[in-house]
Amino acid sequence: MPADLARRPPGCRIPGSRVRPGPWLHLLRALNELAGGTAELQLHSEHAWASATFAGSRHRFTLAFTGLAAIARGEDLIAALPDHEFAIPGQIVADTAIIAAEQRALPTPMLVVTCELLLLAEA
């Protein structure tokens, strides 16, 4: 069932029928913009994170890029992610990492990228 079109990032397909707003949605929008609007969300997970001085959340996204043009944009995302300055309301992106990138040629060319981002709540 398609996600609520009013809440999902433009150009990004989100499986499932309900989308809850939050910082993760801002992150997904930013990731999709870096990928030229070609990302398809496969999986998102969010876990609370805290240290003695900071609190926040760790987000893991698995994004699929289908077709040669989309794969090229996915590779752009991989290259741009480490230096990208995110603008997430009330949050600071403290760390980003590409966890995995897997490419296949058949039956359809596809790149699947898993990335992790650490958000800290602004004081």
PDB file of N, CA and C in Angstrom:
ATOM      1  N   MET A   1       0.849  -1.174   0.000  1.00  0.00           N
ATOM      2  CA  MET A   1       0.000   0.000   0.000  1.00  0.00           C
ATOM      3  C   MET A   1       0.894   1.237   0.000  1.00  0.00           C
ATOM      4  N   PRO A   2       0.611   2.256  -0.840  1.00  0.00           N
ATOM      5  CA  PRO A   2       1.475   3.421  -0.919  1.00  0.00           C
ATOM      6  C   PRO A   2       1.420   4.269   0.341  1.00  0.00           C
ATOM      7  N   ALA A   3       2.546   4.933   0.605  1.00  0.00           N
ATOM      8  CA  ALA A   3       2.633   5.829   1.761  1.00  0.00           C
ATOM      9  C   ALA A   3       1.831   7.094   1.493  1.00  0.00           C
ATOM     10  N   ASP A   4       1.508   7.810   2.557  1.00  0.00           N
ATOM     11  CA  ASP A   4       0.801   9.075   2.458  1.00  0.00           C
ATOM     12  C   ASP A   4       1.650  10.051   1.655  1.00  0.00           C
ATOM     13  N   LEU A   5       1.202  10.436   0.462  1.00  0.00           N
ATOM     14  CA  LEU A   5       1.979  11.280  -0.434  1.00  0.00           C
ATOM     15  C   LEU A   5       2.239  12.654   0.144  1.00  0.00           C
ATOM     16  N   ALA A   6       1.385  13.140   1.018  1.00  0.00           N
ATOM     17  CA  ALA A   6       1.572  14.469   1.594  1.00  0.00           C
ATOM     18  C   ALA A   6       2.745  14.493   2.571  1.00  0.00           C
ATOM     19  N   ARG A   7       3.155  13.345   3.085  1.00  0.00           N
ATOM     20  CA  ARG A   7       4.204  13.307   4.102  1.00  0.00           C
ATOM     21  C   ARG A   7       5.520  12.735   3.604  1.00  0.00           C
ATOM     22  N   ARG A   8       5.518  12.049   2.491  1.00  0.00           N
ATOM     23  CA  ARG A   8       6.762  11.423   2.067  1.00  0.00           C
ATOM     24  C   ARG A   8       7.632  12.410   1.291  1.00  0.00           C
ATOM     25  N   PRO A   9       8.943  12.191   1.283  1.00  0.00           N
ATOM     26  CA  PRO A   9       9.833  13.066   0.542  1.00  0.00           C
ATOM     27  C   PRO A   9       9.536  12.995  -0.950  1.00  0.00           C
ATOM     28  N   PRO A  10       9.558  14.130  -1.645  1.00  0.00           N
ATOM     29  CA  PRO A  10       9.292  14.119  -3.077  1.00  0.00           C
ATOM     30  C   PRO A  10      10.272  13.203  -3.795  1.00  0.00           C
ATOM     31  N   GLY A  11       9.757  12.391  -4.693  1.00  0.00           N
ATOM     32  CA  GLY A  11      10.593  11.534  -5.505  1.00  0.00           C
ATOM     33  C   GLY A  11      11.098  10.281  -4.811  1.00  0.00           C
ATOM     34  N   CYS A  12      10.838  10.120  -3.547  1.00  0.00           N
ATOM     35  CA  CYS A  12      11.330   8.950  -2.822  1.00  0.00           C
ATOM     36  C   CYS A  12      10.150   8.059  -2.474  1.00  0.00           C
ATOM     37  N   ARG A  13      10.253   6.795  -2.844  1.00  0.00           N
ATOM     38  CA  ARG A  13       9.178   5.859  -2.564  1.00  0.00           C
ATOM     39  C   ARG A  13       9.438   5.208  -1.213  1.00  0.00           C
ATOM     40  N   ILE A  14       8.408   5.206  -0.373  1.00  0.00           N
ATOM     41  CA  ILE A  14       8.512   4.615   0.956  1.00  0.00           C
ATOM     42  C   ILE A  14       7.502   3.491   1.063  1.00  0.00           C
ATOM     43  N   PRO A  15       7.983   2.240   1.257  1.00  0.00           N
ATOM     44  CA  PRO A  15       7.021   1.152   1.407  1.00  0.00           C
ATOM     45  C   PRO A  15       6.245   1.292   2.709  1.00  0.00           C
ATOM     46  N   GLY A  16       5.043   0.764   2.719  1.00  0.00           N
ATOM     47  CA  GLY A  16       4.213   0.833   3.922  1.00  0.00           C
ATOM     48  C   GLY A  16       3.118   1.865   3.764  1.00  0.00           C
ATOM     49  N   SER A  17       2.196   1.866   4.685  1.00  0.00           N
ATOM     50  CA  SER A  17       1.029   2.728   4.543  1.00  0.00           C
ATOM     51  C   SER A  17       1.049   3.936   5.462  1.00  0.00           C
ATOM     52  N   ARG A  18       1.919   3.957   6.485  1.00  0.00           N
ATOM     53  CA  ARG A  18       1.925   5.067   7.428  1.00  0.00           C
ATOM     54  C   ARG A  18       3.346   5.611   7.582  1.00  0.00           C
ATOM     55  N   VAL A  19       3.442   6.919   7.588  1.00  0.00           N
ATOM     56  CA  VAL A  19       4.731   7.575   7.775  1.00  0.00           C
ATOM     57  C   VAL A  19       4.600   8.498   8.974  1.00  0.00           C
ATOM     58  N   ARG A  20       5.412   8.263  10.005  1.00  0.00           N
ATOM     59  CA  ARG A  20       5.388   9.136  11.178  1.00  0.00           C
ATOM     60  C   ARG A  20       6.453  10.208  11.011  1.00  0.00           C
ATOM     61  N   PRO A  21       6.074  11.487  11.154  1.00  0.00           N
ATOM     62  CA  PRO A  21       7.069  12.544  10.999  1.00  0.00           C
ATOM     63  C   PRO A  21       8.082  12.515  12.131  1.00  0.00           C
ATOM     64  N   GLY A  22       9.213  13.083  11.904  1.00  0.00           N
ATOM     65  CA  GLY A  22      10.272  13.157  12.897  1.00  0.00           C
ATOM     66  C   GLY A  22      11.583  13.470  12.217  1.00  0.00           C
ATOM     67  N   PRO A  23      12.664  13.519  12.977  1.00  0.00           N
ATOM     68  CA  PRO A  23      13.965  13.830  12.376  1.00  0.00           C
ATOM     69  C   PRO A  23      14.360  12.869  11.264  1.00  0.00           C
ATOM     70  N   TRP A  24      13.960  11.605  11.375  1.00  0.00           N
ATOM     71  CA  TRP A  24      14.314  10.627  10.347  1.00  0.00           C
ATOM     72  C   TRP A  24      13.791  11.036   8.978  1.00  0.00           C
ATOM     73  N   LEU A  25      12.624  11.663   8.949  1.00  0.00           N
ATOM     74  CA  LEU A  25      12.048  12.066   7.672  1.00  0.00           C
ATOM     75  C   LEU A  25      12.866  13.199   7.052  1.00  0.00           C
ATOM     76  N   HIS A  26      13.369  14.114   7.886  1.00  0.00           N
ATOM     77  CA  HIS A  26      14.261  15.170   7.390  1.00  0.00           C
ATOM     78  C   HIS A  26      15.557  14.553   6.846  1.00  0.00           C
ATOM     79  N   LEU A  27      16.073  13.556   7.556  1.00  0.00           N
ATOM     80  CA  LEU A  27      17.270  12.869   7.079  1.00  0.00           C
ATOM     81  C   LEU A  27      17.020  12.191   5.745  1.00  0.00           C
ATOM     82  N   LEU A  28      15.897  11.506   5.630  1.00  0.00           N
ATOM     83  CA  LEU A  28      15.565  10.812   4.387  1.00  0.00           C
ATOM     84  C   LEU A  28      15.443  11.799   3.237  1.00  0.00           C
ATOM     85  N   ARG A  29      14.800  12.923   3.482  1.00  0.00           N
ATOM     86  CA  ARG A  29      14.691  13.952   2.438  1.00  0.00           C
ATOM     87  C   ARG A  29      16.070  14.428   2.002  1.00  0.00           C
ATOM     88  N   ALA A  30      16.950  14.678   2.966  1.00  0.00           N
ATOM     89  CA  ALA A  30      18.301  15.149   2.644  1.00  0.00           C
ATOM     90  C   ALA A  30      19.078  14.083   1.865  1.00  0.00           C
ATOM     91  N   LEU A  31      18.981  12.825   2.273  1.00  0.00           N
ATOM     92  CA  LEU A  31      19.657  11.750   1.560  1.00  0.00           C
ATOM     93  C   LEU A  31      19.122  11.632   0.142  1.00  0.00           C
ATOM     94  N   ASN A  32      17.818  11.742  -0.011  1.00  0.00           N
ATOM     95  CA  ASN A  32      17.210  11.638  -1.334  1.00  0.00           C
ATOM     96  C   ASN A  32      17.629  12.810  -2.226  1.00  0.00           C
ATOM     97  N   GLU A  33      17.755  13.993  -1.653  1.00  0.00           N
ATOM     98  CA  GLU A  33      18.242  15.143  -2.433  1.00  0.00           C
ATOM     99  C   GLU A  33      19.675  14.900  -2.896  1.00  0.00           C
ATOM    100  N   LEU A  34      20.516  14.374  -2.012  1.00  0.00           N
ATOM    101  CA  LEU A  34      21.892  14.048  -2.396  1.00  0.00           C
ATOM    102  C   LEU A  34      21.923  13.024  -3.523  1.00  0.00           C
ATOM    103  N   ALA A  35      20.910  12.184  -3.584  1.00  0.00           N
ATOM    104  CA  ALA A  35      20.836  11.134  -4.604  1.00  0.00           C
ATOM    105  C   ALA A  35      19.992  11.570  -5.804  1.00  0.00           C
ATOM    106  N   GLY A  36      19.725  12.847  -5.925  1.00  0.00           N
ATOM    107  CA  GLY A  36      18.983  13.341  -7.084  1.00  0.00           C
ATOM    108  C   GLY A  36      17.564  12.831  -7.177  1.00  0.00           C
ATOM    109  N   GLY A  37      16.961  12.483  -6.049  1.00  0.00           N
ATOM    110  CA  GLY A  37      15.563  12.037  -6.041  1.00  0.00           C
ATOM    111  C   GLY A  37      15.359  10.627  -6.555  1.00  0.00           C
ATOM    112  N   THR A  38      16.415   9.818  -6.589  1.00  0.00           N
ATOM    113  CA  THR A  38      16.312   8.480  -7.173  1.00  0.00           C
ATOM    114  C   THR A  38      16.280   7.351  -6.154  1.00  0.00           C
ATOM    115  N   ALA A  39      16.343   7.683  -4.869  1.00  0.00           N
ATOM    116  CA  ALA A  39      16.423   6.652  -3.830  1.00  0.00           C
ATOM    117  C   ALA A  39      15.062   6.026  -3.556  1.00  0.00           C
ATOM    118  N   GLU A  40      15.079   4.736  -3.310  1.00  0.00           N
ATOM    119  CA  GLU A  40      13.890   4.021  -2.836  1.00  0.00           C
ATOM    120  C   GLU A  40      14.220   3.456  -1.463  1.00  0.00           C
ATOM    121  N   LEU A  41      13.483   3.884  -0.461  1.00  0.00           N
ATOM    122  CA  LEU A  41      13.727   3.419   0.901  1.00  0.00           C
ATOM    123  C   LEU A  41      13.354   1.949   1.022  1.00  0.00           C
ATOM    124  N   GLN A  42      14.319   1.146   1.457  1.00  0.00           N
ATOM    125  CA  GLN A  42      14.080  -0.270   1.696  1.00  0.00           C
ATOM    126  C   GLN A  42      13.856  -0.543   3.180  1.00  0.00           C
ATOM    127  N   LEU A  43      14.616   0.188   4.028  1.00  0.00           N
ATOM    128  CA  LEU A  43      14.552  -0.068   5.461  1.00  0.00           C
ATOM    129  C   LEU A  43      15.054   1.146   6.217  1.00  0.00           C
ATOM    130  N   HIS A  44      14.422   1.433   7.336  1.00  0.00           N
ATOM    131  CA  HIS A  44      14.901   2.468   8.261  1.00  0.00           C
ATOM    132  C   HIS A  44      14.786   1.909   9.670  1.00  0.00           C
ATOM    133  N   SER A  45      15.828   2.136  10.463  1.00  0.00           N
ATOM    134  CA  SER A  45      15.746   1.802  11.884  1.00  0.00           C
ATOM    135  C   SER A  45      16.283   2.980  12.673  1.00  0.00           C
ATOM    136  N   GLU A  46      15.737   3.150  13.859  1.00  0.00           N
ATOM    137  CA  GLU A  46      16.116   4.253  14.729  1.00  0.00           C
ATOM    138  C   GLU A  46      16.284   3.719  16.146  1.00  0.00           C
ATOM    139  N   HIS A  47      17.399   4.114  16.783  1.00  0.00           N
ATOM    140  CA  HIS A  47      17.676   3.693  18.146  1.00  0.00           C
ATOM    141  C   HIS A  47      18.115   4.892  18.956  1.00  0.00           C
ATOM    142  N   ALA A  48      17.595   5.009  20.168  1.00  0.00           N
ATOM    143  CA  ALA A  48      18.021   6.089  21.059  1.00  0.00           C
ATOM    144  C   ALA A  48      19.506   5.912  21.360  1.00  0.00           C
ATOM    145  N   TRP A  49      20.176   7.029  21.525  1.00  0.00           N
ATOM    146  CA  TRP A  49      21.612   7.011  21.816  1.00  0.00           C
ATOM    147  C   TRP A  49      21.901   8.084  22.853  1.00  0.00           C
ATOM    148  N   ALA A  50      22.771   7.805  23.794  1.00  0.00           N
ATOM    149  CA  ALA A  50      23.120   8.798  24.819  1.00  0.00           C
ATOM    150  C   ALA A  50      24.531   8.544  25.323  1.00  0.00           C
ATOM    151  N   SER A  51      25.180   9.632  25.733  1.00  0.00           N
ATOM    152  CA  SER A  51      26.465   9.560  26.417  1.00  0.00           C
ATOM    153  C   SER A  51      26.322  10.379  27.692  1.00  0.00           C
ATOM    154  N   ALA A  52      27.400  10.604  28.385  1.00  0.00           N
ATOM    155  CA  ALA A  52      27.336  11.390  29.623  1.00  0.00           C
ATOM    156  C   ALA A  52      26.916  12.833  29.355  1.00  0.00           C
ATOM    157  N   THR A  53      27.192  13.337  28.152  1.00  0.00           N
ATOM    158  CA  THR A  53      26.911  14.756  27.859  1.00  0.00           C
ATOM    159  C   THR A  53      25.933  14.990  26.717  1.00  0.00           C
ATOM    160  N   PHE A  54      25.601  13.952  25.932  1.00  0.00           N
ATOM    161  CA  PHE A  54      24.748  14.145  24.766  1.00  0.00           C
ATOM    162  C   PHE A  54      23.651  13.090  24.722  1.00  0.00           C
ATOM    163  N   ALA A  55      22.557  13.460  24.076  1.00  0.00           N
ATOM    164  CA  ALA A  55      21.477  12.510  23.809  1.00  0.00           C
ATOM    165  C   ALA A  55      21.055  12.682  22.358  1.00  0.00           C
ATOM    166  N   GLY A  56      20.619  11.603  21.773  1.00  0.00           N
ATOM    167  CA  GLY A  56      20.199  11.677  20.384  1.00  0.00           C
ATOM    168  C   GLY A  56      19.682  10.346  19.900  1.00  0.00           C
ATOM    169  N   SER A  57      19.888  10.089  18.613  1.00  0.00           N
ATOM    170  CA  SER A  57      19.409   8.849  18.013  1.00  0.00           C
ATOM    171  C   SER A  57      20.321   8.441  16.867  1.00  0.00           C
ATOM    172  N   ARG A  58      20.415   7.135  16.677  1.00  0.00           N
ATOM    173  CA  ARG A  58      21.201   6.578  15.575  1.00  0.00           C
ATOM    174  C   ARG A  58      20.208   6.037  14.548  1.00  0.00           C
ATOM    175  N   HIS A  59      20.397   6.449  13.303  1.00  0.00           N
ATOM    176  CA  HIS A  59      19.496   6.067  12.213  1.00  0.00           C
ATOM    177  C   HIS A  59      20.260   5.270  11.178  1.00  0.00           C
ATOM    178  N   ARG A  60      19.657   4.171  10.741  1.00  0.00           N
ATOM    179  CA  ARG A  60      20.219   3.370   9.659  1.00  0.00           C
ATOM    180  C   ARG A  60      19.207   3.326   8.526  1.00  0.00           C
ATOM    181  N   PHE A  61      19.656   3.678   7.334  1.00  0.00           N
ATOM    182  CA  PHE A  61      18.821   3.670   6.140  1.00  0.00           C
ATOM    183  C   PHE A  61      19.406   2.703   5.133  1.00  0.00           C
ATOM    184  N   THR A  62      18.546   1.905   4.520  1.00  0.00           N
ATOM    185  CA  THR A  62      18.929   1.097   3.368  1.00  0.00           C
ATOM    186  C   THR A  62      18.143   1.642   2.188  1.00  0.00           C
ATOM    187  N   LEU A  63      18.887   2.111   1.183  1.00  0.00           N
ATOM    188  CA  LEU A  63      18.294   2.748   0.011  1.00  0.00           C
ATOM    189  C   LEU A  63      18.667   1.962  -1.229  1.00  0.00           C
ATOM    190  N   ALA A  64      17.703   1.794  -2.135  1.00  0.00           N
ATOM    191  CA  ALA A  64      17.944   1.093  -3.393  1.00  0.00           C
ATOM    192  C   ALA A  64      17.913   2.088  -4.545  1.00  0.00           C
ATOM    193  N   PHE A  65      18.791   1.859  -5.505  1.00  0.00           N
ATOM    194  CA  PHE A  65      18.877   2.675  -6.715  1.00  0.00           C
ATOM    195  C   PHE A  65      18.791   1.719  -7.898  1.00  0.00           C
ATOM    196  N   THR A  66      17.696   1.798  -8.644  1.00  0.00           N
ATOM    197  CA  THR A  66      17.438   0.851  -9.717  1.00  0.00           C
ATOM    198  C   THR A  66      17.635   1.523 -11.068  1.00  0.00           C
ATOM    199  N   GLY A  67      18.440   0.894 -11.914  1.00  0.00           N
ATOM    200  CA  GLY A  67      18.747   1.435 -13.240  1.00  0.00           C
ATOM    201  C   GLY A  67      20.086   2.161 -13.223  1.00  0.00           C
ATOM    202  N   LEU A  68      20.703   2.274 -14.397  1.00  0.00           N
ATOM    203  CA  LEU A  68      22.046   2.837 -14.484  1.00  0.00           C
ATOM    204  C   LEU A  68      22.109   4.298 -14.049  1.00  0.00           C
ATOM    205  N   ALA A  69      21.123   5.099 -14.426  1.00  0.00           N
ATOM    206  CA  ALA A  69      21.125   6.518 -14.029  1.00  0.00           C
ATOM    207  C   ALA A  69      20.985   6.652 -12.516  1.00  0.00           C
ATOM    208  N   ALA A  70      20.108   5.867 -11.930  1.00  0.00           N
ATOM    209  CA  ALA A  70      19.916   5.916 -10.474  1.00  0.00           C
ATOM    210  C   ALA A  70      21.165   5.415  -9.751  1.00  0.00           C
ATOM    211  N   ILE A  71      21.813   4.396 -10.295  1.00  0.00           N
ATOM    212  CA  ILE A  71      23.051   3.893  -9.683  1.00  0.00           C
ATOM    213  C   ILE A  71      24.106   4.991  -9.646  1.00  0.00           C
ATOM    214  N   ALA A  72      24.222   5.737 -10.717  1.00  0.00           N
ATOM    215  CA  ALA A  72      25.188   6.841 -10.748  1.00  0.00           C
ATOM    216  C   ALA A  72      24.877   7.859  -9.651  1.00  0.00           C
ATOM    217  N   ARG A  73      23.600   8.143  -9.427  1.00  0.00           N
ATOM    218  CA  ARG A  73      23.216   9.081  -8.364  1.00  0.00           C
ATOM    219  C   ARG A  73      23.467   8.484  -6.984  1.00  0.00           C
ATOM    220  N   GLY A  74      23.284   7.182  -6.843  1.00  0.00           N
ATOM    221  CA  GLY A  74      23.609   6.509  -5.589  1.00  0.00           C
ATOM    222  C   GLY A  74      25.094   6.590  -5.289  1.00  0.00           C
ATOM    223  N   GLU A  75      25.916   6.470  -6.322  1.00  0.00           N
ATOM    224  CA  GLU A  75      27.358   6.624  -6.143  1.00  0.00           C
ATOM    225  C   GLU A  75      27.704   8.058  -5.752  1.00  0.00           C
ATOM    226  N   ASP A  76      26.949   9.033  -6.294  1.00  0.00           N
ATOM    227  CA  ASP A  76      27.125  10.435  -5.880  1.00  0.00           C
ATOM    228  C   ASP A  76      26.821  10.597  -4.395  1.00  0.00           C
ATOM    229  N   LEU A  77      25.771   9.931  -3.922  1.00  0.00           N
ATOM    230  CA  LEU A  77      25.414   9.974  -2.509  1.00  0.00           C
ATOM    231  C   LEU A  77      26.558   9.429  -1.651  1.00  0.00           C
ATOM    232  N   ILE A  78      27.117   8.295  -2.049  1.00  0.00           N
ATOM    233  CA  ILE A  78      28.217   7.695  -1.308  1.00  0.00           C
ATOM    234  C   ILE A  78      29.391   8.669  -1.210  1.00  0.00           C
ATOM    235  N   ALA A  79      29.704   9.344  -2.305  1.00  0.00           N
ATOM    236  CA  ALA A  79      30.833  10.272  -2.323  1.00  0.00           C
ATOM    237  C   ALA A  79      30.562  11.526  -1.498  1.00  0.00           C
ATOM    238  N   ALA A  80      29.329  12.019  -1.521  1.00  0.00           N
ATOM    239  CA  ALA A  80      28.998  13.297  -0.878  1.00  0.00           C
ATOM    240  C   ALA A  80      28.687  13.166   0.615  1.00  0.00           C
ATOM    241  N   LEU A  81      28.221  12.016   1.059  1.00  0.00           N
ATOM    242  CA  LEU A  81      27.726  11.867   2.427  1.00  0.00           C
ATOM    243  C   LEU A  81      28.720  12.283   3.517  1.00  0.00           C
ATOM    244  N   PRO A  82      29.993  11.883   3.455  1.00  0.00           N
ATOM    245  CA  PRO A  82      30.893  12.215   4.567  1.00  0.00           C
ATOM    246  C   PRO A  82      31.064  13.722   4.825  1.00  0.00           C
ATOM    247  N   ASP A  83      30.966  14.548   3.791  1.00  0.00           N
ATOM    248  CA  ASP A  83      31.202  15.985   3.936  1.00  0.00           C
ATOM    249  C   ASP A  83      29.928  16.818   3.902  1.00  0.00           C
ATOM    250  N   HIS A  84      28.788  16.184   3.796  1.00  0.00           N
ATOM    251  CA  HIS A  84      27.535  16.938   3.648  1.00  0.00           C
ATOM    252  C   HIS A  84      27.131  17.609   4.967  1.00  0.00           C
ATOM    253  N   GLU A  85      26.714  18.856   4.880  1.00  0.00           N
ATOM    254  CA  GLU A  85      26.199  19.604   6.033  1.00  0.00           C
ATOM    255  C   GLU A  85      24.684  19.476   6.042  1.00  0.00           C
ATOM    256  N   PHE A  86      24.154  18.780   7.002  1.00  0.00           N
ATOM    257  CA  PHE A  86      22.719  18.560   7.118  1.00  0.00           C
ATOM    258  C   PHE A  86      22.076  19.712   7.882  1.00  0.00           C
ATOM    259  N   ALA A  87      20.839  20.024   7.533  1.00  0.00           N
ATOM    260  CA  ALA A  87      20.046  21.027   8.248  1.00  0.00           C
ATOM    261  C   ALA A  87      18.795  20.327   8.774  1.00  0.00           C
ATOM    262  N   ILE A  88      18.899  19.759   9.958  1.00  0.00           N
ATOM    263  CA  ILE A  88      17.802  19.026  10.582  1.00  0.00           C
ATOM    264  C   ILE A  88      17.332  19.853  11.775  1.00  0.00           C
ATOM    265  N   PRO A  89      16.075  20.308  11.782  1.00  0.00           N
ATOM    266  CA  PRO A  89      15.593  21.154  12.877  1.00  0.00           C
ATOM    267  C   PRO A  89      15.791  20.515  14.255  1.00  0.00           C
ATOM    268  N   GLY A  90      16.470  21.240  15.157  1.00  0.00           N
ATOM    269  CA  GLY A  90      16.671  20.774  16.523  1.00  0.00           C
ATOM    270  C   GLY A  90      17.691  19.671  16.682  1.00  0.00           C
ATOM    271  N   GLN A  91      18.401  19.331  15.614  1.00  0.00           N
ATOM    272  CA  GLN A  91      19.337  18.212  15.641  1.00  0.00           C
ATOM    273  C   GLN A  91      20.663  18.602  14.989  1.00  0.00           C
ATOM    274  N   ILE A  92      21.718  17.953  15.414  1.00  0.00           N
ATOM    275  CA  ILE A  92      23.023  18.068  14.781  1.00  0.00           C
ATOM    276  C   ILE A  92      23.406  16.677  14.295  1.00  0.00           C
ATOM    277  N   VAL A  93      23.825  16.575  13.041  1.00  0.00           N
ATOM    278  CA  VAL A  93      24.315  15.295  12.538  1.00  0.00           C
ATOM    279  C   VAL A  93      25.784  15.207  12.928  1.00  0.00           C
ATOM    280  N   ALA A  94      26.084  14.353  13.896  1.00  0.00           N
ATOM    281  CA  ALA A  94      27.427  14.253  14.469  1.00  0.00           C
ATOM    282  C   ALA A  94      28.317  13.282  13.715  1.00  0.00           C
ATOM    283  N   ASP A  95      27.722  12.290  13.054  1.00  0.00           N
ATOM    284  CA  ASP A  95      28.531  11.282  12.379  1.00  0.00           C
ATOM    285  C   ASP A  95      27.715  10.644  11.266  1.00  0.00           C
ATOM    286  N   THR A  96      28.393  10.329  10.177  1.00  0.00           N
ATOM    287  CA  THR A  96      27.764   9.601   9.072  1.00  0.00           C
ATOM    288  C   THR A  96      28.712   8.487   8.631  1.00  0.00           C
ATOM    289  N   ALA A  97      28.154   7.399   8.172  1.00  0.00           N
ATOM    290  CA  ALA A  97      28.984   6.291   7.691  1.00  0.00           C
ATOM    291  C   ALA A  97      28.210   5.478   6.661  1.00  0.00           C
ATOM    292  N   ILE A  98      28.917   5.028   5.639  1.00  0.00           N
ATOM    293  CA  ILE A  98      28.370   4.051   4.706  1.00  0.00           C
ATOM    294  C   ILE A  98      28.698   2.690   5.300  1.00  0.00           C
ATOM    295  N   ILE A  99      27.683   1.919   5.623  1.00  0.00           N
ATOM    296  CA  ILE A  99      27.860   0.599   6.249  1.00  0.00           C
ATOM    297  C   ILE A  99      28.079  -0.473   5.185  1.00  0.00           C
ATOM    298  N   ALA A 100      27.340  -0.353   4.070  1.00  0.00           N
ATOM    299  CA  ALA A 100      27.457  -1.343   3.001  1.00  0.00           C
ATOM    300  C   ALA A 100      26.991  -0.732   1.691  1.00  0.00           C
ATOM    301  N   ALA A 101      27.559  -1.227   0.607  1.00  0.00           N
ATOM    302  CA  ALA A 101      27.112  -0.874  -0.745  1.00  0.00           C
ATOM    303  C   ALA A 101      27.248  -2.129  -1.591  1.00  0.00           C
ATOM    304  N   GLU A 102      26.126  -2.559  -2.148  1.00  0.00           N
ATOM    305  CA  GLU A 102      26.109  -3.794  -2.924  1.00  0.00           C
ATOM    306  C   GLU A 102      25.491  -3.504  -4.281  1.00  0.00           C
ATOM    307  N   GLN A 103      26.189  -3.908  -5.330  1.00  0.00           N
ATOM    308  CA  GLN A 103      25.695  -3.660  -6.683  1.00  0.00           C
ATOM    309  C   GLN A 103      25.463  -4.991  -7.376  1.00  0.00           C
ATOM    310  N   ARG A 104      24.375  -5.036  -8.157  1.00  0.00           N
ATOM    311  CA  ARG A 104      24.107  -6.239  -8.954  1.00  0.00           C
ATOM    312  C   ARG A 104      23.730  -5.808 -10.365  1.00  0.00           C
ATOM    313  N   ALA A 105      23.974  -6.706 -11.317  1.00  0.00           N
ATOM    314  CA  ALA A 105      23.706  -6.396 -12.714  1.00  0.00           C
ATOM    315  C   ALA A 105      22.419  -7.043 -13.224  1.00  0.00           C
ATOM    316  N   LEU A 106      22.068  -8.204 -12.681  1.00  0.00           N
ATOM    317  CA  LEU A 106      20.912  -8.933 -13.188  1.00  0.00           C
ATOM    318  C   LEU A 106      19.941  -9.241 -12.064  1.00  0.00           C
ATOM    319  N   PRO A 107      18.673  -9.294 -12.268  1.00  0.00           N
ATOM    320  CA  PRO A 107      17.990  -9.113 -13.546  1.00  0.00           C
ATOM    321  C   PRO A 107      17.905  -7.640 -13.978  1.00  0.00           C
ATOM    322  N   THR A 108      17.994  -6.736 -13.035  1.00  0.00           N
ATOM    323  CA  THR A 108      17.992  -5.307 -13.327  1.00  0.00           C
ATOM    324  C   THR A 108      19.157  -4.684 -12.572  1.00  0.00           C
ATOM    325  N   PRO A 109      19.910  -3.782 -13.223  1.00  0.00           N
ATOM    326  CA  PRO A 109      21.002  -3.136 -12.493  1.00  0.00           C
ATOM    327  C   PRO A 109      20.472  -2.407 -11.257  1.00  0.00           C
ATOM    328  N   MET A 110      21.134  -2.653 -10.117  1.00  0.00           N
ATOM    329  CA  MET A 110      20.685  -2.057  -8.863  1.00  0.00           C
ATOM    330  C   MET A 110      21.873  -1.859  -7.932  1.00  0.00           C
ATOM    331  N   LEU A 111      21.823  -0.760  -7.180  1.00  0.00           N
ATOM    332  CA  LEU A 111      22.777  -0.489  -6.121  1.00  0.00           C
ATOM    333  C   LEU A 111      21.984  -0.361  -4.834  1.00  0.00           C
ATOM    334  N   VAL A 112      22.394  -1.069  -3.792  1.00  0.00           N
ATOM    335  CA  VAL A 112      21.749  -0.977  -2.487  1.00  0.00           C
ATOM    336  C   VAL A 112      22.785  -0.430  -1.513  1.00  0.00           C
ATOM    337  N   VAL A 113      22.453   0.702  -0.893  1.00  0.00           N
ATOM    338  CA  VAL A 113      23.367   1.392   0.008  1.00  0.00           C
ATOM    339  C   VAL A 113      22.756   1.421   1.403  1.00  0.00           C
ATOM    340  N   THR A 114      23.554   1.053   2.392  1.00  0.00           N
ATOM    341  CA  THR A 114      23.139   1.172   3.782  1.00  0.00           C
ATOM    342  C   THR A 114      24.054   2.188   4.449  1.00  0.00           C
ATOM    343  N   CYS A 115      23.425   3.207   5.047  1.00  0.00           N
ATOM    344  CA  CYS A 115      24.199   4.244   5.730  1.00  0.00           C
ATOM    345  C   CYS A 115      23.648   4.440   7.139  1.00  0.00           C
ATOM    346  N   GLU A 116      24.511   4.965   7.989  1.00  0.00           N
ATOM    347  CA  GLU A 116      24.137   5.200   9.380  1.00  0.00           C
ATOM    348  C   GLU A 116      24.484   6.641   9.730  1.00  0.00           C
ATOM    349  N   LEU A 117      23.570   7.308  10.438  1.00  0.00           N
ATOM    350  CA  LEU A 117      23.769   8.697  10.835  1.00  0.00           C
ATOM    351  C   LEU A 117      23.440   8.835  12.315  1.00  0.00           C
ATOM    352  N   LEU A 118      24.291   9.553  13.020  1.00  0.00           N
ATOM    353  CA  LEU A 118      24.096   9.817  14.441  1.00  0.00           C
ATOM    354  C   LEU A 118      23.620  11.244  14.613  1.00  0.00           C
ATOM    355  N   LEU A 119      22.441  11.400  15.215  1.00  0.00           N
ATOM    356  CA  LEU A 119      21.872  12.715  15.490  1.00  0.00           C
ATOM    357  C   LEU A 119      22.008  13.020  16.959  1.00  0.00           C
ATOM    358  N   LEU A 120      22.379  14.268  17.270  1.00  0.00           N
ATOM    359  CA  LEU A 120      22.425  14.752  18.639  1.00  0.00           C
ATOM    360  C   LEU A 120      21.410  15.876  18.776  1.00  0.00           C
ATOM    361  N   ALA A 121      20.643  15.850  19.839  1.00  0.00           N
ATOM    362  CA  ALA A 121      19.647  16.909  20.093  1.00  0.00           C
ATOM    363  C   ALA A 121      20.393  18.192  20.438  1.00  0.00           C
ATOM    364  N   GLU A 122      19.997  19.287  19.782  1.00  0.00           N
ATOM    365  CA  GLU A 122      20.593  20.592  20.099  1.00  0.00           C
ATOM    366  C   GLU A 122      20.116  21.028  21.468  1.00  0.00           C
ATOM    367  N   ALA A 123      21.018  21.636  22.219  1.00  0.00           N
ATOM    368  CA  ALA A 123      20.684  22.095  23.568  1.00  0.00           C
ATOM    369  C   ALA A 123      19.845  23.354  23.549  1.00  0.00           C
TER     370      ALA A 123
END
